[in-house]
Amino acid sequence: MSDFTLSARPALGGFRHDAAGVSVSEVTGFSLVSLAVPLGGEGALAAALRDGLGLALPEAGSSTVSRDGRHRLLWTAPDQTMLLSLPGFDAPVSETGSTIGGAAYLTDQSDAWAALRLSGERIGEVLERMAPVDTAPASFGPGRIARTVIEHMGVILVRDENGDILMLCARSSARSFLHAVMTTVEYLAAP
């Protein structure tokens, strides 16, 4: 019998790059759980999230942050949110389920997504070249979220309280997405 050891690896190997007033870094160690609201169960879910994690259900186009700052609830579609936890839960569905009870249908999405963080004074210039969404701080302030397409790949953009942008994309296209982001950053860095 063979001995195999499996170990988790970040989708982009812990990528980090700083250039042209922009820092691009892979976010690792997070968990992401999809919460689907049962028919007529929005009130029960809102109470469970408030009592269990200190979270409010977000409005369309926004996110909310827990009291301890570890969890962010992302509005992703009507009657659907995603719970992003940093650092992540070890067993995302069972830990989220024990916290909110049966108030939502839960699906672990952690390994299906990759995340990049954009920070620096020129992130607006990067985003305006890539995303067909107005991400200027005046209209896309802290807590705002947008589902969009960048280079034909579905992406979720979230502005955090520091003004950074978290970009979530499918793990299967993470390398292509990173290439698209870095091509734009390198364009800005060119003389």
N, C-alpha and C. Protein backbone atom coordinates (compact mmCIF):
# COMPACT_ATOMS: atom_id res chain seq x y z
N MET A 1 0.84 -1.17 0.00
CA MET A 1 0.00 0.00 0.00
C MET A 1 0.89 1.24 0.00
N SER A 2 0.56 2.19 -0.84
CA SER A 2 1.35 3.41 -0.95
C SER A 2 0.96 4.41 0.11
N ASP A 3 1.92 5.18 0.52
CA ASP A 3 1.65 6.29 1.44
C ASP A 3 1.58 7.58 0.66
N PHE A 4 0.43 8.21 0.71
CA PHE A 4 0.26 9.51 0.06
C PHE A 4 -0.09 10.53 1.13
N THR A 5 0.46 11.69 0.98
CA THR A 5 0.13 12.77 1.88
C THR A 5 -0.43 13.92 1.04
N LEU A 6 -1.60 14.34 1.39
CA LEU A 6 -2.21 15.47 0.71
C LEU A 6 -1.99 16.72 1.54
N SER A 7 -1.68 17.79 0.87
CA SER A 7 -1.54 19.06 1.59
C SER A 7 -2.18 20.16 0.76
N ALA A 8 -2.83 21.06 1.46
CA ALA A 8 -3.49 22.18 0.79
C ALA A 8 -2.45 23.14 0.24
N ARG A 9 -2.73 23.65 -0.96
CA ARG A 9 -1.84 24.63 -1.57
C ARG A 9 -2.67 25.80 -2.08
N PRO A 10 -2.16 27.00 -1.92
CA PRO A 10 -2.89 28.14 -2.46
C PRO A 10 -2.99 28.05 -3.98
N ALA A 11 -4.05 28.54 -4.54
CA ALA A 11 -4.27 28.47 -5.99
C ALA A 11 -3.15 29.14 -6.76
N LEU A 12 -2.59 30.21 -6.20
CA LEU A 12 -1.56 30.99 -6.89
C LEU A 12 -0.23 30.98 -6.16
N GLY A 13 -0.04 29.99 -5.29
CA GLY A 13 1.25 29.83 -4.62
C GLY A 13 1.60 30.95 -3.66
N GLY A 14 0.60 31.69 -3.16
CA GLY A 14 0.88 32.80 -2.25
C GLY A 14 1.43 34.02 -2.97
N PHE A 15 1.03 34.23 -4.21
CA PHE A 15 1.54 35.30 -5.07
C PHE A 15 1.47 36.67 -4.40
N ARG A 16 2.51 37.47 -4.60
CA ARG A 16 2.54 38.86 -4.16
C ARG A 16 3.45 39.64 -5.10
N HIS A 17 2.98 40.83 -5.50
CA HIS A 17 3.77 41.68 -6.38
C HIS A 17 3.41 43.14 -6.11
N ASP A 18 4.42 43.98 -6.06
CA ASP A 18 4.21 45.42 -5.87
C ASP A 18 4.84 46.16 -7.04
N ALA A 19 4.06 47.00 -7.70
CA ALA A 19 4.57 47.81 -8.81
C ALA A 19 3.59 48.93 -9.10
N ALA A 20 4.12 50.04 -9.56
CA ALA A 20 3.30 51.15 -10.06
C ALA A 20 2.27 51.64 -9.06
N GLY A 21 2.59 51.59 -7.76
CA GLY A 21 1.65 52.07 -6.75
C GLY A 21 0.50 51.11 -6.50
N VAL A 22 0.67 49.84 -6.90
CA VAL A 22 -0.36 48.83 -6.70
C VAL A 22 0.29 47.58 -6.12
N SER A 23 -0.33 47.04 -5.11
CA SER A 23 0.09 45.76 -4.54
C SER A 23 -0.97 44.73 -4.89
N VAL A 24 -0.53 43.61 -5.45
CA VAL A 24 -1.41 42.50 -5.79
C VAL A 24 -0.96 41.32 -4.95
N SER A 25 -1.85 40.80 -4.12
CA SER A 25 -1.46 39.67 -3.27
C SER A 25 -2.59 38.66 -3.19
N GLU A 26 -2.21 37.38 -3.20
CA GLU A 26 -3.20 36.34 -3.04
C GLU A 26 -3.65 36.28 -1.59
N VAL A 27 -4.93 36.13 -1.38
CA VAL A 27 -5.50 35.94 -0.05
C VAL A 27 -5.65 34.44 0.15
N THR A 28 -5.08 33.93 1.22
CA THR A 28 -5.14 32.50 1.49
C THR A 28 -5.74 32.26 2.87
N GLY A 29 -6.08 31.02 3.14
CA GLY A 29 -6.57 30.66 4.47
C GLY A 29 -7.99 31.10 4.77
N PHE A 30 -8.75 31.41 3.74
CA PHE A 30 -10.14 31.83 3.97
C PHE A 30 -11.09 30.67 3.73
N SER A 31 -12.28 30.79 4.28
CA SER A 31 -13.35 29.85 3.93
C SER A 31 -14.49 30.66 3.33
N LEU A 32 -15.23 30.00 2.47
CA LEU A 32 -16.34 30.66 1.79
C LEU A 32 -17.51 29.67 1.76
N VAL A 33 -18.61 30.06 2.38
CA VAL A 33 -19.78 29.20 2.47
C VAL A 33 -20.96 29.94 1.84
N SER A 34 -21.62 29.26 0.89
CA SER A 34 -22.82 29.82 0.29
C SER A 34 -24.00 29.54 1.21
N LEU A 35 -24.82 30.57 1.46
CA LEU A 35 -26.02 30.44 2.29
C LEU A 35 -27.22 30.75 1.41
N ALA A 36 -28.06 29.75 1.19
CA ALA A 36 -29.30 29.95 0.43
C ALA A 36 -30.45 30.01 1.43
N VAL A 37 -31.29 31.02 1.27
CA VAL A 37 -32.39 31.24 2.21
C VAL A 37 -33.56 30.32 1.87
N PRO A 38 -34.03 29.53 2.84
CA PRO A 38 -35.22 28.72 2.60
C PRO A 38 -36.42 29.63 2.33
N LEU A 39 -37.38 29.12 1.57
CA LEU A 39 -38.58 29.89 1.26
C LEU A 39 -39.23 30.40 2.54
N GLY A 40 -39.38 31.71 2.64
CA GLY A 40 -39.99 32.34 3.81
C GLY A 40 -39.09 32.38 5.03
N GLY A 41 -37.83 32.07 4.89
CA GLY A 41 -36.95 31.97 6.05
C GLY A 41 -36.00 33.13 6.26
N GLU A 42 -36.23 34.25 5.59
CA GLU A 42 -35.30 35.38 5.72
C GLU A 42 -35.22 35.91 7.15
N GLY A 43 -36.34 36.00 7.83
CA GLY A 43 -36.35 36.49 9.21
C GLY A 43 -35.57 35.59 10.14
N ALA A 44 -35.75 34.28 10.01
CA ALA A 44 -35.02 33.32 10.85
C ALA A 44 -33.53 33.39 10.57
N LEU A 45 -33.15 33.53 9.30
CA LEU A 45 -31.73 33.63 8.96
C LEU A 45 -31.14 34.92 9.51
N ALA A 46 -31.86 36.02 9.37
CA ALA A 46 -31.37 37.31 9.88
C ALA A 46 -31.13 37.22 11.38
N ALA A 47 -32.04 36.60 12.13
CA ALA A 47 -31.88 36.46 13.58
C ALA A 47 -30.71 35.55 13.92
N ALA A 48 -30.56 34.44 13.20
CA ALA A 48 -29.47 33.50 13.46
C ALA A 48 -28.11 34.13 13.19
N LEU A 49 -28.01 34.89 12.11
CA LEU A 49 -26.74 35.57 11.78
C LEU A 49 -26.41 36.64 12.82
N ARG A 50 -27.43 37.39 13.22
CA ARG A 50 -27.23 38.45 14.21
C ARG A 50 -26.77 37.85 15.54
N ASP A 51 -27.47 36.81 16.00
CA ASP A 51 -27.16 36.21 17.30
C ASP A 51 -25.88 35.38 17.26
N GLY A 52 -25.62 34.66 16.17
CA GLY A 52 -24.48 33.75 16.12
C GLY A 52 -23.17 34.39 15.71
N LEU A 53 -23.21 35.35 14.78
CA LEU A 53 -21.98 35.93 14.25
C LEU A 53 -21.93 37.45 14.34
N GLY A 54 -23.00 38.06 14.79
CA GLY A 54 -23.01 39.52 14.84
C GLY A 54 -23.06 40.13 13.46
N LEU A 55 -23.77 39.46 12.54
CA LEU A 55 -23.87 39.93 11.16
C LEU A 55 -25.31 40.29 10.82
N ALA A 56 -25.46 41.30 9.99
CA ALA A 56 -26.77 41.63 9.43
C ALA A 56 -26.82 41.12 8.00
N LEU A 57 -28.01 40.76 7.54
CA LEU A 57 -28.15 40.39 6.13
C LEU A 57 -27.86 41.63 5.28
N PRO A 58 -26.99 41.51 4.29
CA PRO A 58 -26.66 42.68 3.47
C PRO A 58 -27.74 43.00 2.44
N GLU A 59 -27.81 44.26 2.10
CA GLU A 59 -28.67 44.70 1.01
C GLU A 59 -28.01 44.33 -0.31
N ALA A 60 -28.77 44.36 -1.40
CA ALA A 60 -28.20 44.09 -2.72
C ALA A 60 -27.03 45.04 -2.98
N GLY A 61 -25.94 44.49 -3.49
CA GLY A 61 -24.77 45.30 -3.82
C GLY A 61 -23.90 45.65 -2.63
N SER A 62 -24.11 44.98 -1.49
CA SER A 62 -23.30 45.32 -0.32
C SER A 62 -22.90 44.08 0.46
N SER A 63 -22.11 44.31 1.49
CA SER A 63 -21.68 43.26 2.40
C SER A 63 -21.73 43.81 3.82
N THR A 64 -21.71 42.90 4.78
CA THR A 64 -21.67 43.31 6.19
C THR A 64 -20.52 42.58 6.87
N VAL A 65 -19.99 43.17 7.93
CA VAL A 65 -18.85 42.61 8.65
C VAL A 65 -19.28 42.28 10.08
N SER A 66 -18.78 41.16 10.59
CA SER A 66 -19.14 40.72 11.95
C SER A 66 -18.50 41.61 13.01
N ARG A 67 -19.00 41.48 14.23
CA ARG A 67 -18.48 42.27 15.35
C ARG A 67 -16.98 42.10 15.51
N ASP A 68 -16.49 40.85 15.37
CA ASP A 68 -15.06 40.59 15.58
C ASP A 68 -14.22 40.84 14.32
N GLY A 69 -14.85 41.19 13.21
CA GLY A 69 -14.12 41.49 11.98
C GLY A 69 -13.64 40.27 11.22
N ARG A 70 -13.93 39.08 11.71
CA ARG A 70 -13.47 37.84 11.07
C ARG A 70 -14.33 37.40 9.90
N HIS A 71 -15.57 37.81 9.88
CA HIS A 71 -16.52 37.33 8.88
C HIS A 71 -17.10 38.48 8.09
N ARG A 72 -17.28 38.25 6.80
CA ARG A 72 -17.95 39.21 5.93
C ARG A 72 -19.02 38.45 5.17
N LEU A 73 -20.24 38.95 5.21
CA LEU A 73 -21.35 38.35 4.50
C LEU A 73 -21.55 39.12 3.20
N LEU A 74 -21.43 38.44 2.07
CA LEU A 74 -21.51 39.06 0.76
C LEU A 74 -22.88 38.79 0.12
N TRP A 75 -23.56 39.83 -0.34
CA TRP A 75 -24.78 39.62 -1.09
C TRP A 75 -24.35 39.16 -2.48
N THR A 76 -24.83 38.00 -2.93
CA THR A 76 -24.43 37.50 -4.24
C THR A 76 -25.59 37.36 -5.21
N ALA A 77 -26.80 37.25 -4.71
CA ALA A 77 -28.00 37.13 -5.54
C ALA A 77 -29.21 37.23 -4.61
N PRO A 78 -30.39 37.47 -5.17
CA PRO A 78 -31.57 37.46 -4.29
C PRO A 78 -31.65 36.13 -3.53
N ASP A 79 -31.86 36.22 -2.23
CA ASP A 79 -31.97 35.06 -1.35
C ASP A 79 -30.71 34.21 -1.28
N GLN A 80 -29.57 34.78 -1.63
CA GLN A 80 -28.30 34.06 -1.52
C GLN A 80 -27.19 35.01 -1.08
N THR A 81 -26.42 34.55 -0.11
CA THR A 81 -25.25 35.28 0.35
C THR A 81 -24.09 34.29 0.47
N MET A 82 -22.89 34.83 0.63
CA MET A 82 -21.72 34.00 0.89
C MET A 82 -21.04 34.52 2.13
N LEU A 83 -20.68 33.61 3.01
CA LEU A 83 -19.97 33.95 4.24
C LEU A 83 -18.49 33.74 4.02
N LEU A 84 -17.75 34.84 3.99
CA LEU A 84 -16.29 34.82 3.83
C LEU A 84 -15.69 34.97 5.21
N SER A 85 -14.88 34.00 5.61
CA SER A 85 -14.27 34.03 6.94
C SER A 85 -12.75 34.05 6.82
N LEU A 86 -12.13 35.00 7.51
CA LEU A 86 -10.67 35.14 7.55
C LEU A 86 -10.22 35.19 8.99
N PRO A 87 -9.38 34.36 9.49
CA PRO A 87 -8.98 33.11 8.85
C PRO A 87 -10.18 32.18 8.78
N GLY A 88 -10.10 31.22 7.89
CA GLY A 88 -11.24 30.37 7.60
C GLY A 88 -11.56 29.37 8.69
N PHE A 89 -12.78 28.86 8.63
CA PHE A 89 -13.18 27.76 9.48
C PHE A 89 -12.45 26.50 9.00
N ASP A 90 -12.16 25.59 9.92
CA ASP A 90 -11.57 24.30 9.53
C ASP A 90 -12.59 23.42 8.83
N ALA A 91 -13.81 23.44 9.28
CA ALA A 91 -14.90 22.68 8.69
C ALA A 91 -16.03 23.68 8.42
N PRO A 92 -15.95 24.42 7.31
CA PRO A 92 -16.83 25.58 7.09
C PRO A 92 -18.32 25.31 7.23
N VAL A 93 -18.82 24.24 6.63
CA VAL A 93 -20.27 24.00 6.67
C VAL A 93 -20.72 23.61 8.07
N SER A 94 -20.00 22.71 8.72
CA SER A 94 -20.45 22.29 10.06
C SER A 94 -20.28 23.42 11.07
N GLU A 95 -19.22 24.19 10.96
CA GLU A 95 -19.03 25.30 11.91
C GLU A 95 -20.05 26.41 11.67
N THR A 96 -20.32 26.73 10.40
CA THR A 96 -21.35 27.74 10.11
C THR A 96 -22.70 27.20 10.54
N GLY A 97 -22.98 25.93 10.22
CA GLY A 97 -24.25 25.32 10.60
C GLY A 97 -24.48 25.31 12.09
N SER A 98 -23.43 25.04 12.87
CA SER A 98 -23.61 25.03 14.33
C SER A 98 -23.83 26.43 14.86
N THR A 99 -23.36 27.43 14.14
CA THR A 99 -23.53 28.82 14.56
C THR A 99 -24.91 29.36 14.22
N ILE A 100 -25.42 29.02 13.05
CA ILE A 100 -26.72 29.58 12.63
C ILE A 100 -27.84 28.55 12.61
N GLY A 101 -27.55 27.33 13.03
CA GLY A 101 -28.59 26.29 13.03
C GLY A 101 -29.02 25.95 11.62
N GLY A 102 -30.26 25.61 11.44
CA GLY A 102 -30.78 25.25 10.13
C GLY A 102 -31.42 26.41 9.40
N ALA A 103 -30.93 27.62 9.64
CA ALA A 103 -31.57 28.81 9.08
C ALA A 103 -31.26 29.03 7.60
N ALA A 104 -30.32 28.24 7.03
CA ALA A 104 -29.98 28.39 5.61
C ALA A 104 -29.46 27.06 5.09
N TYR A 105 -29.56 26.89 3.79
CA TYR A 105 -28.94 25.74 3.13
C TYR A 105 -27.49 26.13 2.85
N LEU A 106 -26.53 25.32 3.28
CA LEU A 106 -25.12 25.68 3.23
C LEU A 106 -24.35 24.81 2.25
N THR A 107 -23.43 25.43 1.53
CA THR A 107 -22.54 24.73 0.62
C THR A 107 -21.14 25.31 0.77
N ASP A 108 -20.15 24.45 1.01
CA ASP A 108 -18.76 24.89 1.13
C ASP A 108 -18.23 25.23 -0.25
N GLN A 109 -17.82 26.47 -0.44
CA GLN A 109 -17.28 26.96 -1.71
C GLN A 109 -15.79 27.29 -1.60
N SER A 110 -15.19 27.03 -0.46
CA SER A 110 -13.82 27.47 -0.17
C SER A 110 -12.80 27.09 -1.23
N ASP A 111 -12.80 25.83 -1.64
CA ASP A 111 -11.80 25.37 -2.59
C ASP A 111 -12.15 25.70 -4.04
N ALA A 112 -13.32 26.26 -4.27
CA ALA A 112 -13.74 26.57 -5.63
C ALA A 112 -13.36 27.98 -6.05
N TRP A 113 -12.88 28.80 -5.12
CA TRP A 113 -12.58 30.19 -5.40
C TRP A 113 -11.14 30.53 -5.06
N ALA A 114 -10.59 31.48 -5.77
CA ALA A 114 -9.29 32.07 -5.45
C ALA A 114 -9.53 33.55 -5.19
N ALA A 115 -8.65 34.17 -4.42
CA ALA A 115 -8.85 35.57 -4.07
C ALA A 115 -7.56 36.36 -4.21
N LEU A 116 -7.69 37.55 -4.77
CA LEU A 116 -6.59 38.51 -4.85
C LEU A 116 -7.01 39.78 -4.13
N ARG A 117 -6.05 40.43 -3.47
CA ARG A 117 -6.29 41.72 -2.85
C ARG A 117 -5.48 42.77 -3.63
N LEU A 118 -6.17 43.83 -4.05
CA LEU A 118 -5.52 44.98 -4.69
C LEU A 118 -5.48 46.10 -3.67
N SER A 119 -4.29 46.65 -3.47
CA SER A 119 -4.18 47.79 -2.58
C SER A 119 -3.20 48.79 -3.18
N GLY A 120 -3.25 50.00 -2.70
CA GLY A 120 -2.36 51.05 -3.20
C GLY A 120 -3.14 52.19 -3.82
N GLU A 121 -2.42 53.28 -4.08
CA GLU A 121 -3.09 54.50 -4.55
C GLU A 121 -3.58 54.42 -5.99
N ARG A 122 -3.14 53.43 -6.76
CA ARG A 122 -3.53 53.38 -8.18
C ARG A 122 -4.49 52.23 -8.51
N ILE A 123 -5.12 51.65 -7.49
CA ILE A 123 -6.01 50.52 -7.81
C ILE A 123 -7.19 50.94 -8.69
N GLY A 124 -7.60 52.19 -8.56
CA GLY A 124 -8.69 52.67 -9.41
C GLY A 124 -8.30 52.63 -10.88
N GLU A 125 -7.04 52.93 -11.19
CA GLU A 125 -6.58 52.89 -12.58
C GLU A 125 -6.55 51.46 -13.11
N VAL A 126 -6.23 50.51 -12.25
CA VAL A 126 -6.25 49.10 -12.66
C VAL A 126 -7.69 48.69 -12.95
N LEU A 127 -8.57 48.96 -12.01
CA LEU A 127 -9.96 48.51 -12.15
C LEU A 127 -10.68 49.18 -13.31
N GLU A 128 -10.41 50.45 -13.58
CA GLU A 128 -11.12 51.11 -14.67
C GLU A 128 -10.73 50.54 -16.03
N ARG A 129 -9.57 49.89 -16.10
CA ARG A 129 -9.14 49.26 -17.34
C ARG A 129 -9.66 47.82 -17.48
N MET A 130 -10.15 47.26 -16.38
CA MET A 130 -10.53 45.85 -16.39
C MET A 130 -12.02 45.60 -16.20
N ALA A 131 -12.63 46.33 -15.29
CA ALA A 131 -14.00 46.00 -14.86
C ALA A 131 -15.02 46.98 -15.43
N PRO A 132 -16.11 46.46 -16.01
CA PRO A 132 -17.16 47.34 -16.52
C PRO A 132 -18.11 47.79 -15.41
N VAL A 133 -17.51 48.20 -14.27
CA VAL A 133 -18.26 48.62 -13.09
C VAL A 133 -17.60 49.88 -12.57
N ASP A 134 -18.39 50.83 -12.12
CA ASP A 134 -17.83 52.04 -11.52
C ASP A 134 -17.33 51.68 -10.12
N THR A 135 -16.01 51.60 -9.97
CA THR A 135 -15.41 51.24 -8.69
C THR A 135 -14.75 52.44 -8.02
N ALA A 136 -15.10 53.64 -8.46
CA ALA A 136 -14.57 54.83 -7.79
C ALA A 136 -15.07 54.84 -6.35
N PRO A 137 -14.22 55.23 -5.40
CA PRO A 137 -14.63 55.21 -3.99
C PRO A 137 -15.93 55.95 -3.69
N ALA A 138 -16.23 57.00 -4.44
CA ALA A 138 -17.45 57.76 -4.19
C ALA A 138 -18.71 56.92 -4.44
N SER A 139 -18.66 56.00 -5.39
CA SER A 139 -19.83 55.18 -5.69
C SER A 139 -19.66 53.72 -5.26
N PHE A 140 -18.43 53.32 -4.97
CA PHE A 140 -18.14 51.94 -4.59
C PHE A 140 -17.30 51.98 -3.32
N GLY A 141 -17.95 52.46 -2.25
CA GLY A 141 -17.25 52.65 -0.98
C GLY A 141 -17.11 51.36 -0.19
N PRO A 142 -16.59 51.46 1.03
CA PRO A 142 -16.40 50.29 1.89
C PRO A 142 -17.68 49.47 2.06
N GLY A 143 -17.55 48.16 1.90
CA GLY A 143 -18.68 47.26 2.04
C GLY A 143 -19.44 47.00 0.75
N ARG A 144 -19.14 47.76 -0.29
CA ARG A 144 -19.85 47.56 -1.56
C ARG A 144 -19.32 46.31 -2.25
N ILE A 145 -20.18 45.66 -3.01
CA ILE A 145 -19.85 44.43 -3.72
C ILE A 145 -20.45 44.50 -5.11
N ALA A 146 -19.74 43.90 -6.07
CA ALA A 146 -20.26 43.81 -7.44
C ALA A 146 -19.87 42.47 -8.02
N ARG A 147 -20.83 41.86 -8.68
CA ARG A 147 -20.53 40.67 -9.50
C ARG A 147 -20.40 41.17 -10.91
N THR A 148 -19.28 40.84 -11.54
CA THR A 148 -19.02 41.35 -12.88
C THR A 148 -18.20 40.33 -13.66
N VAL A 149 -17.80 40.74 -14.85
CA VAL A 149 -16.97 39.91 -15.71
C VAL A 149 -15.71 40.68 -16.05
N ILE A 150 -14.57 40.04 -15.88
CA ILE A 150 -13.28 40.61 -16.25
C ILE A 150 -12.59 39.60 -17.15
N GLU A 151 -12.26 40.02 -18.37
CA GLU A 151 -11.61 39.12 -19.33
C GLU A 151 -12.39 37.81 -19.48
N HIS A 152 -13.69 37.90 -19.57
CA HIS A 152 -14.61 36.76 -19.77
C HIS A 152 -14.68 35.82 -18.58
N MET A 153 -14.20 36.25 -17.41
CA MET A 153 -14.26 35.43 -16.21
C MET A 153 -15.15 36.11 -15.18
N GLY A 154 -16.02 35.32 -14.55
CA GLY A 154 -16.88 35.85 -13.50
C GLY A 154 -16.06 36.20 -12.28
N VAL A 155 -16.32 37.39 -11.73
CA VAL A 155 -15.54 37.91 -10.61
C VAL A 155 -16.48 38.59 -9.62
N ILE A 156 -16.16 38.46 -8.34
CA ILE A 156 -16.84 39.22 -7.30
C ILE A 156 -15.83 40.23 -6.77
N LEU A 157 -16.21 41.51 -6.77
CA LEU A 157 -15.36 42.58 -6.25
C LEU A 157 -15.96 43.09 -4.94
N VAL A 158 -15.12 43.28 -3.94
CA VAL A 158 -15.57 43.80 -2.65
C VAL A 158 -14.57 44.86 -2.19
N ARG A 159 -15.09 46.03 -1.82
CA ARG A 159 -14.20 47.05 -1.24
C ARG A 159 -14.26 46.91 0.27
N ASP A 160 -13.09 46.78 0.90
CA ASP A 160 -13.07 46.64 2.36
C ASP A 160 -12.93 48.00 3.03
N GLU A 161 -12.89 47.99 4.35
CA GLU A 161 -12.86 49.23 5.12
C GLU A 161 -11.55 50.00 4.98
N ASN A 162 -10.50 49.35 4.48
CA ASN A 162 -9.22 50.03 4.23
C ASN A 162 -9.14 50.64 2.85
N GLY A 163 -10.17 50.40 2.03
CA GLY A 163 -10.17 50.91 0.66
C GLY A 163 -9.58 49.91 -0.33
N ASP A 164 -9.10 48.77 0.16
CA ASP A 164 -8.58 47.73 -0.73
C ASP A 164 -9.74 47.05 -1.45
N ILE A 165 -9.41 46.38 -2.55
CA ILE A 165 -10.40 45.61 -3.30
C ILE A 165 -10.05 44.14 -3.21
N LEU A 166 -11.00 43.34 -2.77
CA LEU A 166 -10.87 41.90 -2.78
C LEU A 166 -11.53 41.41 -4.05
N MET A 167 -10.81 40.60 -4.81
CA MET A 167 -11.32 40.06 -6.08
C MET A 167 -11.39 38.54 -5.96
N LEU A 168 -12.60 37.99 -6.06
CA LEU A 168 -12.80 36.55 -6.00
C LEU A 168 -13.11 36.03 -7.40
N CYS A 169 -12.41 34.97 -7.79
CA CYS A 169 -12.66 34.35 -9.09
C CYS A 169 -12.64 32.84 -8.92
N ALA A 170 -13.14 32.14 -9.92
CA ALA A 170 -13.13 30.68 -9.88
C ALA A 170 -11.68 30.18 -9.82
N ARG A 171 -11.43 29.26 -8.93
CA ARG A 171 -10.07 28.72 -8.78
C ARG A 171 -9.57 28.11 -10.10
N SER A 172 -10.47 27.54 -10.87
CA SER A 172 -10.06 26.91 -12.12
C SER A 172 -9.50 27.90 -13.13
N SER A 173 -9.84 29.17 -13.00
CA SER A 173 -9.30 30.18 -13.91
C SER A 173 -8.40 31.18 -13.19
N ALA A 174 -7.91 30.82 -12.01
CA ALA A 174 -7.11 31.75 -11.20
C ALA A 174 -5.85 32.23 -11.91
N ARG A 175 -5.16 31.34 -12.58
CA ARG A 175 -3.91 31.74 -13.28
C ARG A 175 -4.23 32.70 -14.42
N SER A 176 -5.28 32.44 -15.17
CA SER A 176 -5.67 33.35 -16.25
C SER A 176 -6.09 34.70 -15.69
N PHE A 177 -6.81 34.67 -14.58
CA PHE A 177 -7.24 35.92 -13.95
C PHE A 177 -6.04 36.71 -13.45
N LEU A 178 -5.10 36.05 -12.80
CA LEU A 178 -3.88 36.71 -12.33
C LEU A 178 -3.13 37.33 -13.51
N HIS A 179 -3.05 36.61 -14.62
CA HIS A 179 -2.38 37.14 -15.80
C HIS A 179 -3.06 38.42 -16.28
N ALA A 180 -4.39 38.43 -16.30
CA ALA A 180 -5.12 39.63 -16.72
C ALA A 180 -4.83 40.80 -15.80
N VAL A 181 -4.84 40.56 -14.49
CA VAL A 181 -4.57 41.63 -13.53
C VAL A 181 -3.14 42.14 -13.69
N MET A 182 -2.19 41.21 -13.77
CA MET A 182 -0.78 41.62 -13.85
C MET A 182 -0.47 42.32 -15.17
N THR A 183 -1.12 41.95 -16.26
CA THR A 183 -0.93 42.65 -17.52
C THR A 183 -1.33 44.11 -17.38
N THR A 184 -2.42 44.36 -16.68
CA THR A 184 -2.88 45.73 -16.46
C THR A 184 -1.92 46.48 -15.54
N VAL A 185 -1.46 45.85 -14.47
CA VAL A 185 -0.50 46.48 -13.55
C VAL A 185 0.80 46.80 -14.29
N GLU A 186 1.29 45.87 -15.10
CA GLU A 186 2.53 46.10 -15.83
C GLU A 186 2.36 47.22 -16.85
N TYR A 187 1.18 47.35 -17.44
CA TYR A 187 0.91 48.45 -18.36
C TYR A 187 1.05 49.79 -17.62
N LEU A 188 0.53 49.86 -16.40
CA LEU A 188 0.64 51.09 -15.60
C LEU A 188 2.09 51.38 -15.24
N ALA A 189 2.88 50.33 -15.04
CA ALA A 189 4.28 50.50 -14.62
C ALA A 189 5.19 50.88 -15.77
N ALA A 190 4.74 50.65 -17.00
CA ALA A 190 5.59 50.93 -18.17
C ALA A 190 5.84 52.42 -18.29
N PRO A 191 7.06 52.79 -18.71
CA PRO A 191 7.37 54.24 -18.86
C PRO A 191 6.64 54.89 -20.01
